[in-house]
Amino acid sequence: MESEDALFIGNKHEFVEIRFVGLRRSGTHAVQNWLISLFDGPVCYINDVTGKKKIRSDQASDDLPAVHKKGKAVRLNEAKCLLLYAIEDRRLQFLRNYQFPYPEEQIPVRVIDVLLLRDPYNTIASRLKIGRDRSKNGLFRDMFMRDANGRAFFPQLWKNYAHEFLGHFNSLQNEKICINFNRWKDDKEYRDELCRQIGVRDCSNEGAVREVPGWGFGSSFDATKFHGKAEKMDLDNRWRVFEDDAEFRELINDEKMGDLSERIFGMGKPKLS
């Protein structure tokens, strides 16, 4: 008979896959780093998996602070307790039939879709900041691509994620855990509840919450200056930097987005002068 420990993830009895879905500049690497820190055993982490040309069977783990412990990061074809791979800025309908290319001998016993969402106003502000500061980098320059009529795609993409978050859509058809970034960064009880949903026995180590991973140059506003003290960053008020900015005002001028943001975050469309 299996021991009680076998009921929990992150032990030698289970290989778990977390398919992490989020929008760029919404705290993705911070939350991924925290999730990895919850697992004691070997981990393979793959950043922006659909942006890679090919996933090799011996793919090395990408880097985050939580995998720096000796023996923590392993290759895709090596024994592990967790495979976490990130999918960024993709329409959720695309993910209905997405299949990760596993090595034949490794199939997870549990697959969890983690959907991360941050309020649209601070997300937009962070995308504007990194896009303008690093305009020579095509990935950041194209944060707000537009259709033939000049309309930005992002508001509709955010609303698509919000509807999935609220259960109006069901594009993510595995076991699904939704994470509200605005609550995650401030509320330990909320993080403890997420741990219980994931199935982690001990989530008392809070060090990873204060880390600022360097992927994507860290924070759009502070880079990695607040690594180890992330709680000191003013993440709720990034949008105020752009409240007089014409592009920001255009991007947030969406009543439905405001309604969804109010429902999820208690944060409707900002009242601008």
Protein backbone atom coordinates (compact mmCIF):
# COMPACT_ATOMS: atom_id res chain seq x y z
CA MET A 1 0.00 0.00 0.00
CA GLU A 2 1.30 3.48 -0.89
CA SER A 3 2.25 5.79 1.97
CA GLU A 4 0.25 8.91 2.75
CA ASP A 5 2.98 10.95 1.04
CA ALA A 6 1.94 9.48 -2.30
CA LEU A 7 -1.22 11.58 -2.13
CA PHE A 8 0.82 14.75 -2.47
CA ILE A 9 2.65 16.05 -5.49
CA GLY A 10 6.32 16.84 -5.56
CA ASN A 11 7.44 13.51 -4.12
CA LYS A 12 9.15 10.54 -5.72
CA HIS A 13 5.85 8.81 -6.47
CA GLU A 14 4.60 11.33 -9.04
CA PHE A 15 5.65 13.18 -12.15
CA VAL A 16 3.43 16.24 -12.54
CA GLU A 17 3.08 18.57 -15.51
CA ILE A 18 2.12 22.20 -15.01
CA ARG A 19 1.15 23.93 -18.23
CA PHE A 20 1.48 27.59 -17.28
CA VAL A 21 -0.55 30.04 -19.38
CA GLY A 22 -0.21 33.80 -19.03
CA LEU A 23 0.21 37.17 -20.70
CA ARG A 24 3.63 38.76 -20.85
CA ARG A 25 4.38 41.37 -18.15
CA SER A 26 1.74 39.97 -15.81
CA GLY A 27 4.08 38.46 -13.22
CA THR A 28 4.56 35.18 -15.07
CA HIS A 29 8.16 34.47 -14.08
CA ALA A 30 7.60 35.45 -10.46
CA VAL A 31 4.70 33.01 -10.11
CA GLN A 32 6.48 30.26 -12.07
CA ASN A 33 9.48 30.64 -9.76
CA TRP A 34 7.20 30.34 -6.71
CA LEU A 35 5.50 27.22 -8.09
CA ILE A 36 8.85 25.54 -8.72
CA SER A 37 9.98 26.39 -5.19
CA LEU A 38 7.09 24.31 -3.80
CA PHE A 39 8.60 21.08 -5.18
CA ASP A 40 11.44 19.36 -3.36
CA GLY A 41 12.54 17.07 -6.18
CA PRO A 42 14.15 17.57 -9.61
CA VAL A 43 12.42 19.98 -11.99
CA CYS A 44 12.57 20.77 -15.69
CA TYR A 45 11.41 24.31 -16.51
CA ILE A 46 10.92 25.47 -20.10
CA ASN A 47 10.23 29.13 -20.76
CA ASP A 48 7.97 30.28 -23.64
CA VAL A 49 7.68 26.78 -25.05
CA THR A 50 5.72 27.70 -28.19
CA GLY A 51 8.31 30.35 -29.03
CA LYS A 52 11.09 27.76 -29.30
CA LYS A 53 11.84 26.31 -32.73
CA LYS A 54 12.05 22.76 -31.41
CA ILE A 55 11.87 20.97 -28.09
CA ARG A 56 14.62 18.35 -27.95
CA SER A 57 14.26 15.15 -25.94
CA ASP A 58 17.33 16.21 -23.94
CA GLN A 59 16.17 19.84 -23.59
CA ALA A 60 17.97 21.52 -20.69
CA SER A 61 15.96 23.29 -18.03
CA ASP A 62 15.78 27.05 -18.40
CA ASP A 63 16.92 29.18 -15.50
CA LEU A 64 14.99 30.66 -12.58
CA PRO A 65 16.20 31.32 -9.02
CA ALA A 66 14.17 28.37 -7.72
CA VAL A 67 16.20 25.87 -9.79
CA HIS A 68 19.62 27.09 -8.59
CA LYS A 69 19.87 24.47 -5.86
CA LYS A 70 22.34 21.73 -6.83
CA GLY A 71 20.55 18.84 -8.55
CA LYS A 72 17.26 20.74 -8.86
CA ALA A 73 17.36 21.47 -12.61
CA VAL A 74 17.32 18.41 -14.87
CA ARG A 75 16.92 17.79 -18.57
CA LEU A 76 13.59 16.90 -20.11
CA ASN A 77 14.49 13.22 -20.53
CA GLU A 78 15.73 12.82 -16.95
CA ALA A 79 13.68 11.67 -13.95
CA LYS A 80 11.82 14.54 -12.29
CA CYS A 81 8.85 15.35 -10.10
CA LEU A 82 7.79 18.42 -12.10
CA LEU A 83 7.78 19.63 -15.67
CA LEU A 84 6.65 23.26 -15.82
CA TYR A 85 6.49 24.89 -19.23
CA ALA A 86 5.22 28.35 -20.05
CA ILE A 87 2.92 29.42 -22.87
CA GLU A 88 2.75 33.19 -23.34
CA ASP A 89 0.39 35.54 -25.20
CA ARG A 90 -1.36 32.72 -27.06
CA ARG A 91 -5.05 32.66 -27.90
CA LEU A 92 -6.53 30.08 -25.58
CA GLN A 93 -8.35 28.32 -28.41
CA PHE A 94 -4.91 27.43 -29.79
CA LEU A 95 -4.23 25.40 -26.65
CA ARG A 96 -7.20 23.06 -26.99
CA ASN A 97 -5.18 20.59 -29.04
CA TYR A 98 -1.64 21.51 -27.99
CA GLN A 99 0.40 18.45 -27.04
CA PHE A 100 3.76 18.71 -25.35
CA PRO A 101 6.40 16.49 -27.04
CA TYR A 102 7.21 14.14 -24.15
CA PRO A 103 10.03 11.64 -24.24
CA GLU A 104 8.27 8.31 -24.85
CA GLU A 105 9.22 6.83 -21.49
CA GLN A 106 7.82 9.74 -19.47
CA ILE A 107 4.13 10.49 -19.16
CA PRO A 108 2.83 12.65 -16.27
CA VAL A 109 0.33 11.23 -13.83
CA ARG A 110 -1.28 14.62 -13.34
CA VAL A 111 -1.61 17.59 -15.70
CA ILE A 112 -2.54 21.01 -14.31
CA ASP A 113 -3.36 24.06 -16.40
CA VAL A 114 -2.35 27.14 -14.41
CA LEU A 115 -3.88 30.35 -15.76
CA LEU A 116 -2.36 33.59 -14.45
CA LEU A 117 -4.16 36.92 -14.80
CA ARG A 118 -3.15 40.42 -13.70
CA ASP A 119 -5.42 43.46 -13.90
CA PRO A 120 -5.36 44.93 -17.44
CA TYR A 121 -4.28 48.45 -16.48
CA ASN A 122 -1.02 47.55 -14.77
CA THR A 123 -0.37 44.87 -17.38
CA ILE A 124 -0.78 47.42 -20.17
CA ALA A 125 1.46 49.90 -18.35
CA SER A 126 4.20 47.30 -17.92
CA ARG A 127 3.97 46.30 -21.57
CA LEU A 128 4.18 49.93 -22.67
CA LYS A 129 7.20 50.55 -20.44
CA ILE A 130 9.25 47.56 -21.61
CA GLY A 131 8.20 48.09 -25.22
CA ARG A 132 9.40 51.68 -25.27
CA ASP A 133 12.53 51.12 -23.22
CA ARG A 134 13.62 48.19 -25.38
CA SER A 135 12.15 49.14 -28.74
CA LYS A 136 14.98 47.46 -30.65
CA ASN A 137 13.89 44.08 -29.23
CA GLY A 138 11.14 42.80 -31.53
CA LEU A 139 9.49 40.73 -28.78
CA PHE A 140 8.91 43.82 -26.65
CA ARG A 141 8.38 46.26 -29.51
CA ASP A 142 5.39 44.23 -30.69
CA MET A 143 3.54 44.10 -27.37
CA PHE A 144 0.58 45.89 -28.96
CA MET A 145 0.29 44.59 -32.50
CA ARG A 146 -2.68 45.92 -34.48
CA ASP A 147 -5.07 44.71 -37.14
CA ALA A 148 -5.56 46.25 -40.60
CA ASN A 149 -7.90 48.85 -39.08
CA GLY A 150 -5.34 49.93 -36.50
CA ARG A 151 -7.04 48.27 -33.52
CA ALA A 152 -4.73 46.70 -30.94
CA PHE A 153 -5.21 42.96 -30.39
CA PHE A 154 -4.34 43.05 -26.69
CA PRO A 155 -7.67 44.17 -25.13
CA GLN A 156 -9.49 41.29 -26.79
CA LEU A 157 -6.76 38.85 -25.76
CA TRP A 158 -6.99 40.01 -22.13
CA LYS A 159 -10.77 39.66 -22.19
CA ASN A 160 -10.40 36.15 -23.61
CA TYR A 161 -8.20 35.20 -20.63
CA ALA A 162 -10.62 36.89 -18.22
CA HIS A 163 -13.56 34.89 -19.54
CA GLU A 164 -11.54 31.68 -19.12
CA PHE A 165 -10.61 32.80 -15.59
CA LEU A 166 -14.28 33.27 -14.71
CA GLY A 167 -15.32 29.94 -16.23
CA HIS A 168 -17.25 31.45 -19.14
CA PHE A 169 -14.95 29.58 -21.54
CA ASN A 170 -13.40 26.14 -21.22
CA SER A 171 -10.44 26.23 -23.58
CA LEU A 172 -8.13 24.82 -20.90
CA GLN A 173 -9.58 21.37 -20.49
CA ASN A 174 -7.15 19.79 -18.02
CA GLU A 175 -7.46 20.30 -14.28
CA LYS A 176 -7.41 24.11 -14.05
CA ILE A 177 -6.12 26.44 -11.35
CA CYS A 178 -6.56 30.18 -11.87
CA ILE A 179 -4.20 32.60 -10.13
CA ASN A 180 -5.09 36.23 -9.51
CA PHE A 181 -1.67 37.94 -9.57
CA ASN A 182 -2.89 40.99 -7.67
CA ARG A 183 -3.90 38.75 -4.75
CA TRP A 184 -1.02 36.32 -5.08
CA LYS A 185 1.64 38.98 -4.50
CA ASP A 186 0.03 40.34 -1.30
CA ASP A 187 -1.99 37.60 0.37
CA LYS A 188 -0.29 34.66 2.07
CA GLU A 189 -3.62 33.02 2.89
CA TYR A 190 -4.45 33.10 -0.81
CA ARG A 191 -1.09 31.52 -1.64
CA ASP A 192 -1.73 28.85 1.00
CA GLU A 193 -5.08 28.07 -0.63
CA LEU A 194 -3.38 27.76 -4.02
CA CYS A 195 -0.91 25.34 -2.44
CA ARG A 196 -3.80 23.21 -1.25
CA GLN A 197 -5.32 23.21 -4.73
CA ILE A 198 -2.00 22.16 -6.23
CA GLY A 199 -1.60 19.48 -3.57
CA VAL A 200 1.55 20.71 -1.83
CA ARG A 201 1.90 19.68 1.79
CA ASP A 202 4.29 22.42 2.96
CA CYS A 203 4.20 25.94 1.52
CA SER A 204 5.74 27.69 4.53
CA ASN A 205 8.87 28.75 2.60
CA GLU A 206 7.95 32.23 1.35
CA GLY A 207 11.38 33.25 0.08
CA ALA A 208 10.51 32.75 -3.58
CA VAL A 209 7.69 35.31 -3.36
CA ARG A 210 10.29 38.03 -2.72
CA GLU A 211 12.48 37.08 -5.68
CA VAL A 212 12.53 38.94 -9.02
CA PRO A 213 13.63 36.52 -11.77
CA GLY A 214 15.84 37.98 -14.47
CA TRP A 215 13.98 36.47 -17.44
CA GLY A 216 12.66 39.22 -19.71
CA PHE A 217 14.95 41.71 -17.95
CA GLY A 218 12.98 41.38 -14.70
CA SER A 219 10.40 44.00 -13.81
CA SER A 220 9.49 46.43 -16.59
CA PHE A 221 10.02 49.33 -14.18
CA ASP A 222 12.64 48.12 -11.70
CA ALA A 223 14.54 45.35 -13.54
CA THR A 224 15.97 43.12 -10.76
CA LYS A 225 16.73 45.96 -8.33
CA PHE A 226 14.23 44.57 -5.81
CA HIS A 227 15.34 40.93 -6.00
CA GLY A 228 14.85 39.48 -2.53
CA LYS A 229 12.47 42.30 -1.56
CA ALA A 230 9.83 42.24 -4.29
CA GLU A 231 7.18 43.29 -1.78
CA LYS A 232 8.67 46.81 -1.92
CA MET A 233 7.70 47.30 -5.58
CA ASP A 234 4.62 49.44 -6.19
CA LEU A 235 2.96 46.96 -8.53
CA ASP A 236 -0.58 48.26 -8.08
CA ASN A 237 0.14 51.73 -9.42
CA ARG A 238 2.22 51.19 -12.54
CA TRP A 239 -0.68 52.51 -14.62
CA ARG A 240 -0.38 55.98 -13.03
CA VAL A 241 2.87 56.57 -14.93
CA PHE A 242 0.82 56.45 -18.14
CA GLU A 243 -2.46 58.04 -17.11
CA ASP A 244 -1.80 61.02 -19.41
CA ASP A 245 -0.41 58.88 -22.22
CA ALA A 246 -2.54 58.82 -25.40
CA GLU A 247 -1.77 55.18 -26.26
CA PHE A 248 -2.53 54.01 -22.73
CA ARG A 249 -5.86 55.87 -22.78
CA GLU A 250 -6.75 54.28 -26.09
CA LEU A 251 -5.87 50.77 -24.93
CA ILE A 252 -7.93 50.95 -21.73
CA ASN A 253 -10.97 52.49 -23.45
CA ASP A 254 -12.94 49.24 -23.37
CA GLU A 255 -16.01 49.07 -21.17
CA LYS A 256 -16.23 45.27 -21.23
CA MET A 257 -12.61 44.99 -20.15
CA GLY A 258 -13.41 47.36 -17.31
CA ASP A 259 -16.40 45.27 -16.25
CA LEU A 260 -14.35 42.07 -16.22
CA SER A 261 -11.52 43.75 -14.31
CA GLU A 262 -13.98 45.05 -11.73
CA ARG A 263 -15.42 41.58 -11.28
CA ILE A 264 -12.06 39.80 -10.91
CA PHE A 265 -9.86 42.45 -9.28
CA GLY A 266 -12.30 45.01 -7.87
CA MET A 267 -10.55 47.44 -10.18
CA GLY A 268 -12.68 49.05 -12.89
CA LYS A 269 -11.55 51.42 -15.60
CA PRO A 270 -9.47 54.22 -14.00
CA LYS A 271 -11.10 57.62 -13.84
CA LEU A 272 -8.74 59.83 -15.80
CA SER A 273 -8.85 63.62 -15.90
